[in-house]
């Protein structure tokens, strides 16, 4: 039937072995970024309009670490990266359509 040669089979799971030191460094970076988020919140009034973009930037970096190291996208194939990023693309499309819908509504005047 089939050969036992699993070296060239694309359907066989090949585990990615990441050293424990890498996980500890990434966890330390996540803790540091969480601490930075708390500090940024303390200066919320001073940051003004930049408070939300800074918080989102920190959150994006943290999400990137989680995606790359804990979900192993760093060691995965480009096809899996493309499939994963397609979800984010359609999320952005959903947000854009929502924003366009809100800003293009006709204001109703109450007859009362």
C-alpha atoms as a PDB file:
ATOM      1  CA  UNK A   1       0.000   0.000   0.000  1.00  0.00           C
ATOM      2  CA  UNK A   2       1.861   3.035   1.207  1.00  0.00           C
ATOM      3  CA  UNK A   3       5.489   3.365   1.986  1.00  0.00           C
ATOM      4  CA  UNK A   4       6.765   3.877   5.486  1.00  0.00           C
ATOM      5  CA  UNK A   5       9.005   6.703   4.317  1.00  0.00           C
ATOM      6  CA  UNK A   6       7.539   9.666   6.218  1.00  0.00           C
ATOM      7  CA  UNK A   7      10.518  11.939   5.568  1.00  0.00           C
ATOM      8  CA  UNK A   8       9.074  13.346   2.341  1.00  0.00           C
ATOM      9  CA  UNK A   9       5.368  13.127   3.169  1.00  0.00           C
ATOM     10  CA  UNK A  10       3.836  16.607   3.440  1.00  0.00           C
ATOM     11  CA  UNK A  11       0.988  15.351   5.640  1.00  0.00           C
ATOM     12  CA  UNK A  12       3.201  14.155   8.478  1.00  0.00           C
ATOM     13  CA  UNK A  13       3.415  16.446  11.494  1.00  0.00           C
ATOM     14  CA  UNK A  14       6.936  17.714  12.086  1.00  0.00           C
ATOM     15  CA  UNK A  15       7.165  19.146  15.603  1.00  0.00           C
ATOM     16  CA  UNK A  16       9.086  22.340  16.128  1.00  0.00           C
ATOM     17  CA  UNK A  17      11.309  22.073  19.144  1.00  0.00           C
ATOM     18  CA  UNK A  18      11.902  25.480  20.669  1.00  0.00           C
ATOM     19  CA  UNK A  19      14.373  25.848  23.523  1.00  0.00           C
ATOM     20  CA  UNK A  20      12.971  26.686  26.939  1.00  0.00           C
ATOM     21  CA  UNK A  21      15.190  29.788  27.047  1.00  0.00           C
ATOM     22  CA  UNK A  22      13.295  31.221  24.060  1.00  0.00           C
ATOM     23  CA  UNK A  23       9.963  30.749  25.824  1.00  0.00           C
ATOM     24  CA  UNK A  24      11.334  32.400  28.961  1.00  0.00           C
ATOM     25  CA  UNK A  25      12.610  35.391  26.942  1.00  0.00           C
ATOM     26  CA  UNK A  26       9.272  35.764  25.143  1.00  0.00           C
ATOM     27  CA  UNK A  27       7.363  35.485  28.424  1.00  0.00           C
ATOM     28  CA  UNK A  28       9.659  38.150  29.913  1.00  0.00           C
ATOM     29  CA  UNK A  29       8.988  40.408  26.940  1.00  0.00           C
ATOM     30  CA  UNK A  30       5.232  39.878  27.344  1.00  0.00           C
ATOM     31  CA  UNK A  31       5.436  40.744  31.052  1.00  0.00           C
ATOM     32  CA  UNK A  32       7.498  43.849  30.249  1.00  0.00           C
ATOM     33  CA  UNK A  33       4.985  44.948  27.598  1.00  0.00           C
ATOM     34  CA  UNK A  34       2.129  44.380  30.036  1.00  0.00           C
ATOM     35  CA  UNK A  35       3.962  46.531  32.577  1.00  0.00           C
ATOM     36  CA  UNK A  36       4.476  49.156  29.830  1.00  0.00           C
ATOM     37  CA  UNK A  37       0.723  49.087  29.145  1.00  0.00           C
ATOM     38  CA  UNK A  38       0.019  49.783  32.822  1.00  0.00           C
ATOM     39  CA  UNK A  39       2.512  52.673  32.806  1.00  0.00           C
ATOM     40  CA  UNK A  40       0.956  54.080  29.624  1.00  0.00           C
ATOM     41  CA  UNK A  41      -2.436  53.953  31.313  1.00  0.00           C
ATOM     42  CA  UNK A  42      -1.076  55.973  34.234  1.00  0.00           C
ATOM     43  CA  UNK A  43      -0.127  58.729  31.747  1.00  0.00           C
ATOM     44  CA  UNK A  44      -3.459  58.541  29.924  1.00  0.00           C
ATOM     45  CA  UNK A  45      -4.294  62.224  30.503  1.00  0.00           C
ATOM     46  CA  UNK A  46      -0.856  63.409  29.393  1.00  0.00           C
ATOM     47  CA  UNK A  47      -0.881  61.273  26.248  1.00  0.00           C
ATOM     48  CA  UNK A  48      -4.264  62.619  25.176  1.00  0.00           C
ATOM     49  CA  UNK A  49      -5.170  61.458  21.670  1.00  0.00           C
ATOM     50  CA  UNK A  50      -2.078  59.257  21.503  1.00  0.00           C
ATOM     51  CA  UNK A  51      -3.188  57.053  24.410  1.00  0.00           C
ATOM     52  CA  UNK A  52      -5.288  54.665  22.330  1.00  0.00           C
ATOM     53  CA  UNK A  53      -2.792  54.272  19.443  1.00  0.00           C
ATOM     54  CA  UNK A  54       0.015  53.574  21.925  1.00  0.00           C
ATOM     55  CA  UNK A  55      -2.098  50.976  23.728  1.00  0.00           C
ATOM     56  CA  UNK A  56      -3.026  49.327  20.430  1.00  0.00           C
ATOM     57  CA  UNK A  57       0.608  49.324  19.297  1.00  0.00           C
ATOM     58  CA  UNK A  58       1.698  47.591  22.499  1.00  0.00           C
ATOM     59  CA  UNK A  59      -1.158  45.087  22.107  1.00  0.00           C
ATOM     60  CA  UNK A  60      -0.156  44.370  18.494  1.00  0.00           C
ATOM     61  CA  UNK A  61       3.435  43.665  19.525  1.00  0.00           C
ATOM     62  CA  UNK A  62       2.224  41.344  22.280  1.00  0.00           C
ATOM     63  CA  UNK A  63      -0.109  39.558  19.853  1.00  0.00           C
ATOM     64  CA  UNK A  64       2.775  39.196  17.418  1.00  0.00           C
ATOM     65  CA  UNK A  65       4.914  37.482  20.056  1.00  0.00           C
ATOM     66  CA  UNK A  66       2.073  35.108  20.917  1.00  0.00           C
ATOM     67  CA  UNK A  67       1.394  34.307  17.258  1.00  0.00           C
ATOM     68  CA  UNK A  68       5.027  33.791  16.323  1.00  0.00           C
ATOM     69  CA  UNK A  69       6.282  31.828  19.307  1.00  0.00           C
ATOM     70  CA  UNK A  70       3.382  30.235  21.168  1.00  0.00           C
ATOM     71  CA  UNK A  71       1.326  29.428  18.067  1.00  0.00           C
ATOM     72  CA  UNK A  72       4.520  28.474  16.169  1.00  0.00           C
ATOM     73  CA  UNK A  73       3.822  30.594  13.085  1.00  0.00           C
ATOM     74  CA  UNK A  74       7.517  31.515  13.086  1.00  0.00           C
ATOM     75  CA  UNK A  75       8.421  27.932  12.165  1.00  0.00           C
ATOM     76  CA  UNK A  76       5.377  27.212  10.020  1.00  0.00           C
ATOM     77  CA  UNK A  77       4.926  27.210   6.255  1.00  0.00           C
ATOM     78  CA  UNK A  78       4.056  30.301   4.253  1.00  0.00           C
ATOM     79  CA  UNK A  79       0.681  28.781   3.341  1.00  0.00           C
ATOM     80  CA  UNK A  80      -0.357  28.619   7.004  1.00  0.00           C
ATOM     81  CA  UNK A  81       0.811  32.204   7.500  1.00  0.00           C
ATOM     82  CA  UNK A  82      -1.262  33.278   4.502  1.00  0.00           C
ATOM     83  CA  UNK A  83      -4.345  31.457   5.765  1.00  0.00           C
ATOM     84  CA  UNK A  84      -3.942  32.985   9.214  1.00  0.00           C
ATOM     85  CA  UNK A  85      -3.410  36.517   7.874  1.00  0.00           C
ATOM     86  CA  UNK A  86      -6.478  36.190   5.632  1.00  0.00           C
ATOM     87  CA  UNK A  87      -8.622  36.187   8.772  1.00  0.00           C
ATOM     88  CA  UNK A  88      -7.103  39.507   9.842  1.00  0.00           C
ATOM     89  CA  UNK A  89      -7.652  40.915   6.335  1.00  0.00           C
ATOM     90  CA  UNK A  90     -11.361  40.131   6.445  1.00  0.00           C
ATOM     91  CA  UNK A  91     -11.599  41.529   9.977  1.00  0.00           C
ATOM     92  CA  UNK A  92     -10.194  44.832   8.668  1.00  0.00           C
ATOM     93  CA  UNK A  93     -12.672  44.728   5.765  1.00  0.00           C
ATOM     94  CA  UNK A  94     -15.511  44.235   8.268  1.00  0.00           C
ATOM     95  CA  UNK A  95     -14.333  47.226  10.325  1.00  0.00           C
ATOM     96  CA  UNK A  96     -13.971  49.399   7.214  1.00  0.00           C
ATOM     97  CA  UNK A  97     -17.484  48.593   6.015  1.00  0.00           C
ATOM     98  CA  UNK A  98     -18.814  49.380   9.490  1.00  0.00           C
ATOM     99  CA  UNK A  99     -17.020  52.737   9.583  1.00  0.00           C
ATOM    100  CA  UNK A 100     -18.223  53.634   6.078  1.00  0.00           C
ATOM    101  CA  UNK A 101     -21.776  52.689   7.072  1.00  0.00           C
ATOM    102  CA  UNK A 102     -21.684  54.876  10.172  1.00  0.00           C
ATOM    103  CA  UNK A 103     -20.215  57.925   8.428  1.00  0.00           C
ATOM    104  CA  UNK A 104     -22.517  57.775   5.391  1.00  0.00           C
ATOM    105  CA  UNK A 105     -25.818  57.624   7.235  1.00  0.00           C
ATOM    106  CA  UNK A 106     -28.354  60.349   6.570  1.00  0.00           C
ATOM    107  CA  UNK A 107     -29.275  62.258   9.687  1.00  0.00           C
ATOM    108  CA  UNK A 108     -32.949  61.956  10.457  1.00  0.00           C
ATOM    109  CA  UNK A 109     -34.853  64.977  11.665  1.00  0.00           C
ATOM    110  CA  UNK A 110     -37.602  64.277  14.099  1.00  0.00           C
ATOM    111  CA  UNK A 111     -40.970  65.843  13.142  1.00  0.00           C
ATOM    112  CA  UNK A 112     -41.781  66.372  16.804  1.00  0.00           C
END
